[in-house]
Amino acid sequence: MKNSLFALLLLISVTAIAQNDGWNISTTNNKNYTGIVVANGRIGLLPSEKPFQVEQIILNNVFDKESPLGVSKILL
């Protein structure tokens, strides 16, 4: 009985400790904001200095659909 009570008490204390939110990061000053570059090998998005805005879109090996002459065009 003592062992099961001790195990229950240990389980409750471990779950109480696990509720801690240790990875919450916040800021009040976004003056030196640098967004992340998002790319998949063909299309890349370069972030702007302003949050949630894109400065440049980079296309790598992205082709326009075949033209009437049968030649695909690279998009620049």
PDB file of N, CA and C in Angstrom:
ATOM      1  N   MET A   1       0.825  -1.197   0.000  1.00  0.00           N
ATOM      2  CA  MET A   1       0.000   0.000   0.000  1.00  0.00           C
ATOM      3  C   MET A   1       0.873   1.266   0.000  1.00  0.00           C
ATOM      4  N   LYS A   2       1.955   1.211   0.811  1.00  0.00           N
ATOM      5  CA  LYS A   2       2.843   2.367   0.879  1.00  0.00           C
ATOM      6  C   LYS A   2       3.527   2.606  -0.467  1.00  0.00           C
ATOM      7  N   ASN A   3       3.902   1.517  -1.140  1.00  0.00           N
ATOM      8  CA  ASN A   3       4.581   1.658  -2.433  1.00  0.00           C
ATOM      9  C   ASN A   3       3.667   2.277  -3.479  1.00  0.00           C
ATOM     10  N   SER A   4       2.409   1.854  -3.517  1.00  0.00           N
ATOM     11  CA  SER A   4       1.477   2.413  -4.504  1.00  0.00           C
ATOM     12  C   SER A   4       1.159   3.869  -4.188  1.00  0.00           C
ATOM     13  N   LEU A   5       1.064   4.218  -2.899  1.00  0.00           N
ATOM     14  CA  LEU A   5       0.817   5.609  -2.515  1.00  0.00           C
ATOM     15  C   LEU A   5       2.021   6.480  -2.882  1.00  0.00           C
ATOM     16  N   PHE A   6       3.226   5.957  -2.656  1.00  0.00           N
ATOM     17  CA  PHE A   6       4.439   6.683  -3.021  1.00  0.00           C
ATOM     18  C   PHE A   6       4.529   6.868  -4.538  1.00  0.00           C
ATOM     19  N   ALA A   7       4.188   5.837  -5.301  1.00  0.00           N
ATOM     20  CA  ALA A   7       4.218   5.926  -6.764  1.00  0.00           C
ATOM     21  C   ALA A   7       3.203   6.944  -7.266  1.00  0.00           C
ATOM     22  N   LEU A   8       2.019   6.974  -6.661  1.00  0.00           N
ATOM     23  CA  LEU A   8       0.992   7.948  -7.049  1.00  0.00           C
ATOM     24  C   LEU A   8       1.454   9.371  -6.738  1.00  0.00           C
ATOM     25  N   LEU A   9       2.047   9.566  -5.572  1.00  0.00           N
ATOM     26  CA  LEU A   9       2.553  10.885  -5.198  1.00  0.00           C
ATOM     27  C   LEU A   9       3.676  11.325  -6.139  1.00  0.00           C
ATOM     28  N   LEU A  10       4.544  10.411  -6.511  1.00  0.00           N
ATOM     29  CA  LEU A  10       5.625  10.714  -7.447  1.00  0.00           C
ATOM     30  C   LEU A  10       5.075  11.084  -8.822  1.00  0.00           C
ATOM     31  N   LEU A  11       4.071  10.361  -9.290  1.00  0.00           N
ATOM     32  CA  LEU A  11       3.457  10.644 -10.586  1.00  0.00           C
ATOM     33  C   LEU A  11       2.795  12.019 -10.598  1.00  0.00           C
ATOM     34  N   ILE A  12       2.114  12.369  -9.530  1.00  0.00           N
ATOM     35  CA  ILE A  12       1.454  13.681  -9.452  1.00  0.00           C
ATOM     36  C   ILE A  12       2.487  14.805  -9.435  1.00  0.00           C
ATOM     37  N   SER A  13       3.588  14.619  -8.699  1.00  0.00           N
ATOM     38  CA  SER A  13       4.606  15.675  -8.643  1.00  0.00           C
ATOM     39  C   SER A  13       5.319  15.839  -9.986  1.00  0.00           C
ATOM     40  N   VAL A  14       5.543  14.752 -10.711  1.00  0.00           N
ATOM     41  CA  VAL A  14       6.198  14.839 -12.017  1.00  0.00           C
ATOM     42  C   VAL A  14       5.302  15.550 -13.019  1.00  0.00           C
ATOM     43  N   THR A  15       4.008  15.278 -13.016  1.00  0.00           N
ATOM     44  CA  THR A  15       3.103  15.958 -13.949  1.00  0.00           C
ATOM     45  C   THR A  15       2.970  17.433 -13.609  1.00  0.00           C
ATOM     46  N   ALA A  16       3.074  17.798 -12.339  1.00  0.00           N
ATOM     47  CA  ALA A  16       3.008  19.213 -11.963  1.00  0.00           C
ATOM     48  C   ALA A  16       4.248  19.958 -12.459  1.00  0.00           C
ATOM     49  N   ILE A  17       5.404  19.319 -12.404  1.00  0.00           N
ATOM     50  CA  ILE A  17       6.638  19.948 -12.881  1.00  0.00           C
ATOM     51  C   ILE A  17       6.637  20.041 -14.403  1.00  0.00           C
ATOM     52  N   ALA A  18       6.062  19.067 -15.085  1.00  0.00           N
ATOM     53  CA  ALA A  18       6.055  19.034 -16.545  1.00  0.00           C
ATOM     54  C   ALA A  18       5.182  20.127 -17.151  1.00  0.00           C
ATOM     55  N   GLN A  19       4.353  20.783 -16.371  1.00  0.00           N
ATOM     56  CA  GLN A  19       3.464  21.821 -16.872  1.00  0.00           C
ATOM     57  C   GLN A  19       4.180  23.159 -17.060  1.00  0.00           C
ATOM     58  N   ASN A  20       5.435  23.265 -16.681  1.00  0.00           N
ATOM     59  CA  ASN A  20       6.194  24.505 -16.798  1.00  0.00           C
ATOM     60  C   ASN A  20       6.407  24.858 -18.271  1.00  0.00           C
ATOM     61  N   ASP A  21       6.116  26.116 -18.639  1.00  0.00           N
ATOM     62  CA  ASP A  21       6.285  26.587 -20.013  1.00  0.00           C
ATOM     63  C   ASP A  21       7.633  27.292 -20.118  1.00  0.00           C
ATOM     64  N   GLY A  22       8.688  26.530 -20.373  1.00  0.00           N
ATOM     65  CA  GLY A  22      10.029  27.086 -20.380  1.00  0.00           C
ATOM     66  C   GLY A  22      10.473  27.658 -21.714  1.00  0.00           C
ATOM     67  N   TRP A  23       9.712  27.487 -22.806  1.00  0.00           N
ATOM     68  CA  TRP A  23      10.147  27.912 -24.132  1.00  0.00           C
ATOM     69  C   TRP A  23       9.295  29.042 -24.681  1.00  0.00           C
ATOM     70  N   ASN A  24       8.791  29.892 -23.854  1.00  0.00           N
ATOM     71  CA  ASN A  24       7.987  31.024 -24.290  1.00  0.00           C
ATOM     72  C   ASN A  24       8.912  32.233 -24.440  1.00  0.00           C
ATOM     73  N   ILE A  25       9.140  32.675 -25.673  1.00  0.00           N
ATOM     74  CA  ILE A  25      10.036  33.797 -25.954  1.00  0.00           C
ATOM     75  C   ILE A  25       9.203  34.971 -26.451  1.00  0.00           C
ATOM     76  N   SER A  26       9.433  36.143 -25.882  1.00  0.00           N
ATOM     77  CA  SER A  26       8.691  37.329 -26.315  1.00  0.00           C
ATOM     78  C   SER A  26       9.642  38.524 -26.343  1.00  0.00           C
ATOM     79  N   THR A  27       9.215  39.569 -27.049  1.00  0.00           N
ATOM     80  CA  THR A  27      10.025  40.777 -27.144  1.00  0.00           C
ATOM     81  C   THR A  27       9.109  41.992 -27.221  1.00  0.00           C
ATOM     82  N   THR A  28       9.639  43.123 -26.837  1.00  0.00           N
ATOM     83  CA  THR A  28       8.884  44.371 -26.955  1.00  0.00           C
ATOM     84  C   THR A  28       9.499  45.285 -28.009  1.00  0.00           C
ATOM     85  N   ASN A  29      10.743  45.011 -28.406  1.00  0.00           N
ATOM     86  CA  ASN A  29      11.438  45.838 -29.381  1.00  0.00           C
ATOM     87  C   ASN A  29      11.832  44.971 -30.577  1.00  0.00           C
ATOM     88  N   ASN A  30      11.251  45.239 -31.735  1.00  0.00           N
ATOM     89  CA  ASN A  30      11.593  44.466 -32.935  1.00  0.00           C
ATOM     90  C   ASN A  30      12.411  45.311 -33.914  1.00  0.00           C
ATOM     91  N   LYS A  31      13.247  46.194 -33.388  1.00  0.00           N
ATOM     92  CA  LYS A  31      14.036  47.091 -34.224  1.00  0.00           C
ATOM     93  C   LYS A  31      15.035  46.329 -35.093  1.00  0.00           C
ATOM     94  N   ASN A  32      15.697  45.339 -34.546  1.00  0.00           N
ATOM     95  CA  ASN A  32      16.694  44.564 -35.293  1.00  0.00           C
ATOM     96  C   ASN A  32      16.100  43.248 -35.780  1.00  0.00           C
ATOM     97  N   TYR A  33      14.881  43.270 -36.232  1.00  0.00           N
ATOM     98  CA  TYR A  33      14.190  42.059 -36.683  1.00  0.00           C
ATOM     99  C   TYR A  33      14.810  41.538 -37.972  1.00  0.00           C
ATOM    100  N   THR A  34      15.104  40.267 -38.005  1.00  0.00           N
ATOM    101  CA  THR A  34      15.546  39.600 -39.220  1.00  0.00           C
ATOM    102  C   THR A  34      14.728  38.333 -39.356  1.00  0.00           C
ATOM    103  N   GLY A  35      13.927  38.274 -40.390  1.00  0.00           N
ATOM    104  CA  GLY A  35      13.117  37.082 -40.610  1.00  0.00           C
ATOM    105  C   GLY A  35      13.948  35.952 -41.167  1.00  0.00           C
ATOM    106  N   ILE A  36      13.360  34.778 -41.227  1.00  0.00           N
ATOM    107  CA  ILE A  36      14.075  33.623 -41.755  1.00  0.00           C
ATOM    108  C   ILE A  36      13.823  33.502 -43.250  1.00  0.00           C
ATOM    109  N   VAL A  37      14.768  32.933 -43.944  1.00  0.00           N
ATOM    110  CA  VAL A  37      14.629  32.673 -45.377  1.00  0.00           C
ATOM    111  C   VAL A  37      13.897  31.349 -45.532  1.00  0.00           C
ATOM    112  N   VAL A  38      12.871  31.344 -46.361  1.00  0.00           N
ATOM    113  CA  VAL A  38      12.098  30.129 -46.608  1.00  0.00           C
ATOM    114  C   VAL A  38      12.369  29.703 -48.042  1.00  0.00           C
ATOM    115  N   ALA A  39      12.825  28.473 -48.221  1.00  0.00           N
ATOM    116  CA  ALA A  39      13.127  27.987 -49.565  1.00  0.00           C
ATOM    117  C   ALA A  39      12.950  26.479 -49.615  1.00  0.00           C
ATOM    118  N   ASN A  40      12.629  25.980 -50.801  1.00  0.00           N
ATOM    119  CA  ASN A  40      12.483  24.537 -50.971  1.00  0.00           C
ATOM    120  C   ASN A  40      13.359  24.000 -52.094  1.00  0.00           C
ATOM    121  N   GLY A  41      14.297  24.786 -52.589  1.00  0.00           N
ATOM    122  CA  GLY A  41      15.163  24.349 -53.673  1.00  0.00           C
ATOM    123  C   GLY A  41      14.757  24.915 -55.019  1.00  0.00           C
ATOM    124  N   ARG A  42      13.524  25.308 -55.167  1.00  0.00           N
ATOM    125  CA  ARG A  42      13.052  25.910 -56.419  1.00  0.00           C
ATOM    126  C   ARG A  42      12.580  27.340 -56.200  1.00  0.00           C
ATOM    127  N   ILE A  43      11.857  27.574 -55.135  1.00  0.00           N
ATOM    128  CA  ILE A  43      11.333  28.906 -54.846  1.00  0.00           C
ATOM    129  C   ILE A  43      11.873  29.337 -53.488  1.00  0.00           C
ATOM    130  N   GLY A  44      12.409  30.565 -53.408  1.00  0.00           N
ATOM    131  CA  GLY A  44      12.928  31.095 -52.157  1.00  0.00           C
ATOM    132  C   GLY A  44      12.310  32.441 -51.847  1.00  0.00           C
ATOM    133  N   LEU A  45      12.019  32.686 -50.581  1.00  0.00           N
ATOM    134  CA  LEU A  45      11.451  33.955 -50.130  1.00  0.00           C
ATOM    135  C   LEU A  45      12.447  34.622 -49.192  1.00  0.00           C
ATOM    136  N   LEU A  46      12.910  35.825 -49.553  1.00  0.00           N
ATOM    137  CA  LEU A  46      13.797  36.599 -48.693  1.00  0.00           C
ATOM    138  C   LEU A  46      12.963  37.594 -47.906  1.00  0.00           C
ATOM    139  N   PRO A  47      13.104  37.611 -46.589  1.00  0.00           N
ATOM    140  CA  PRO A  47      12.271  38.493 -45.776  1.00  0.00           C
ATOM    141  C   PRO A  47      12.704  39.948 -45.873  1.00  0.00           C
ATOM    142  N   SER A  48      11.781  40.821 -45.560  1.00  0.00           N
ATOM    143  CA  SER A  48      12.037  42.254 -45.526  1.00  0.00           C
ATOM    144  C   SER A  48      12.395  42.660 -44.099  1.00  0.00           C
ATOM    145  N   GLU A  49      12.765  43.916 -43.893  1.00  0.00           N
ATOM    146  CA  GLU A  49      13.031  44.406 -42.544  1.00  0.00           C
ATOM    147  C   GLU A  49      11.749  44.503 -41.733  1.00  0.00           C
ATOM    148  N   LYS A  50      10.625  44.677 -42.405  1.00  0.00           N
ATOM    149  CA  LYS A  50       9.336  44.748 -41.724  1.00  0.00           C
ATOM    150  C   LYS A  50       8.821  43.332 -41.487  1.00  0.00           C
ATOM    151  N   PRO A  51       8.279  43.052 -40.322  1.00  0.00           N
ATOM    152  CA  PRO A  51       7.778  41.703 -40.048  1.00  0.00           C
ATOM    153  C   PRO A  51       6.671  41.293 -41.019  1.00  0.00           C
ATOM    154  N   PHE A  52       6.694  40.040 -41.416  1.00  0.00           N
ATOM    155  CA  PHE A  52       5.674  39.412 -42.264  1.00  0.00           C
ATOM    156  C   PHE A  52       5.579  40.019 -43.659  1.00  0.00           C
ATOM    157  N   GLN A  53       6.681  40.576 -44.179  1.00  0.00           N
ATOM    158  CA  GLN A  53       6.705  41.070 -45.547  1.00  0.00           C
ATOM    159  C   GLN A  53       7.885  40.449 -46.291  1.00  0.00           C
ATOM    160  N   VAL A  54       7.703  40.228 -47.584  1.00  0.00           N
ATOM    161  CA  VAL A  54       8.728  39.593 -48.412  1.00  0.00           C
ATOM    162  C   VAL A  54       9.427  40.665 -49.234  1.00  0.00           C
ATOM    163  N   GLU A  55      10.762  40.655 -49.209  1.00  0.00           N
ATOM    164  CA  GLU A  55      11.538  41.621 -49.987  1.00  0.00           C
ATOM    165  C   GLU A  55      11.773  41.116 -51.406  1.00  0.00           C
ATOM    166  N   GLN A  56      12.095  39.825 -51.543  1.00  0.00           N
ATOM    167  CA  GLN A  56      12.434  39.274 -52.848  1.00  0.00           C
ATOM    168  C   GLN A  56      11.964  37.827 -52.937  1.00  0.00           C
ATOM    169  N   ILE A  57      11.554  37.428 -54.136  1.00  0.00           N
ATOM    170  CA  ILE A  57      11.218  36.035 -54.419  1.00  0.00           C
ATOM    171  C   ILE A  57      12.231  35.531 -55.437  1.00  0.00           C
ATOM    172  N   ILE A  58      12.899  34.434 -55.116  1.00  0.00           N
ATOM    173  CA  ILE A  58      13.926  33.879 -55.994  1.00  0.00           C
ATOM    174  C   ILE A  58      13.402  32.580 -56.586  1.00  0.00           C
ATOM    175  N   LEU A  59      13.468  32.474 -57.921  1.00  0.00           N
ATOM    176  CA  LEU A  59      13.022  31.273 -58.620  1.00  0.00           C
ATOM    177  C   LEU A  59      14.240  30.538 -59.160  1.00  0.00           C
ATOM    178  N   ASN A  60      14.346  29.256 -58.886  1.00  0.00           N
ATOM    179  CA  ASN A  60      15.471  28.444 -59.344  1.00  0.00           C
ATOM    180  C   ASN A  60      14.912  27.248 -60.108  1.00  0.00           C
ATOM    181  N   ASN A  61      15.202  27.189 -61.392  1.00  0.00           N
ATOM    182  CA  ASN A  61      14.714  26.107 -62.255  1.00  0.00           C
ATOM    183  C   ASN A  61      13.188  26.026 -62.282  1.00  0.00           C
ATOM    184  N   VAL A  62      12.544  27.176 -62.305  1.00  0.00           N
ATOM    185  CA  VAL A  62      11.091  27.221 -62.445  1.00  0.00           C
ATOM    186  C   VAL A  62      10.800  27.630 -63.881  1.00  0.00           C
ATOM    187  N   PHE A  63      10.050  26.815 -64.575  1.00  0.00           N
ATOM    188  CA  PHE A  63       9.806  27.018 -65.993  1.00  0.00           C
ATOM    189  C   PHE A  63       8.359  27.411 -66.246  1.00  0.00           C
ATOM    190  N   ASP A  64       8.180  28.276 -67.248  1.00  0.00           N
ATOM    191  CA  ASP A  64       6.853  28.607 -67.737  1.00  0.00           C
ATOM    192  C   ASP A  64       6.364  27.430 -68.573  1.00  0.00           C
ATOM    193  N   LYS A  65       5.058  27.289 -68.692  1.00  0.00           N
ATOM    194  CA  LYS A  65       4.515  26.192 -69.501  1.00  0.00           C
ATOM    195  C   LYS A  65       5.019  26.297 -70.930  1.00  0.00           C
ATOM    196  N   GLU A  66       4.986  25.198 -71.582  1.00  0.00           N
ATOM    197  CA  GLU A  66       5.492  25.106 -72.946  1.00  0.00           C
ATOM    198  C   GLU A  66       4.791  26.110 -73.864  1.00  0.00           C
ATOM    199  N   SER A  67       5.581  26.828 -74.648  1.00  0.00           N
ATOM    200  CA  SER A  67       5.030  27.805 -75.586  1.00  0.00           C
ATOM    201  C   SER A  67       4.515  27.087 -76.835  1.00  0.00           C
ATOM    202  N   PRO A  68       3.842  27.807 -77.730  1.00  0.00           N
ATOM    203  CA  PRO A  68       3.348  27.171 -78.960  1.00  0.00           C
ATOM    204  C   PRO A  68       4.456  26.552 -79.811  1.00  0.00           C
ATOM    205  N   LEU A  69       5.695  27.027 -79.644  1.00  0.00           N
ATOM    206  CA  LEU A  69       6.802  26.473 -80.426  1.00  0.00           C
ATOM    207  C   LEU A  69       7.403  25.220 -79.781  1.00  0.00           C
ATOM    208  N   GLY A  70       6.902  24.829 -78.609  1.00  0.00           N
ATOM    209  CA  GLY A  70       7.394  23.623 -77.952  1.00  0.00           C
ATOM    210  C   GLY A  70       8.589  23.836 -77.052  1.00  0.00           C
ATOM    211  N   VAL A  71       8.884  25.099 -76.689  1.00  0.00           N
ATOM    212  CA  VAL A  71      10.045  25.397 -75.854  1.00  0.00           C
ATOM    213  C   VAL A  71       9.566  25.984 -74.532  1.00  0.00           C
ATOM    214  N   SER A  72      10.037  25.406 -73.422  1.00  0.00           N
ATOM    215  CA  SER A  72       9.722  25.967 -72.112  1.00  0.00           C
ATOM    216  C   SER A  72      10.668  27.122 -71.826  1.00  0.00           C
ATOM    217  N   LYS A  73      10.191  28.122 -71.079  1.00  0.00           N
ATOM    218  CA  LYS A  73      11.003  29.296 -70.764  1.00  0.00           C
ATOM    219  C   LYS A  73      11.303  29.322 -69.273  1.00  0.00           C
ATOM    220  N   ILE A  74      12.543  29.690 -68.929  1.00  0.00           N
ATOM    221  CA  ILE A  74      12.908  29.861 -67.529  1.00  0.00           C
ATOM    222  C   ILE A  74      12.358  31.198 -67.054  1.00  0.00           C
ATOM    223  N   LEU A  75      11.727  31.198 -65.885  1.00  0.00           N
ATOM    224  CA  LEU A  75      11.222  32.439 -65.301  1.00  0.00           C
ATOM    225  C   LEU A  75      12.333  33.086 -64.493  1.00  0.00           C
ATOM    226  N   LEU A  76      12.569  34.372 -64.707  1.00  0.00           N
ATOM    227  CA  LEU A  76      13.606  35.099 -63.975  1.00  0.00           C
ATOM    228  C   LEU A  76      12.993  36.045 -62.996  1.00  0.00           C
TER     229      LEU A  76
END
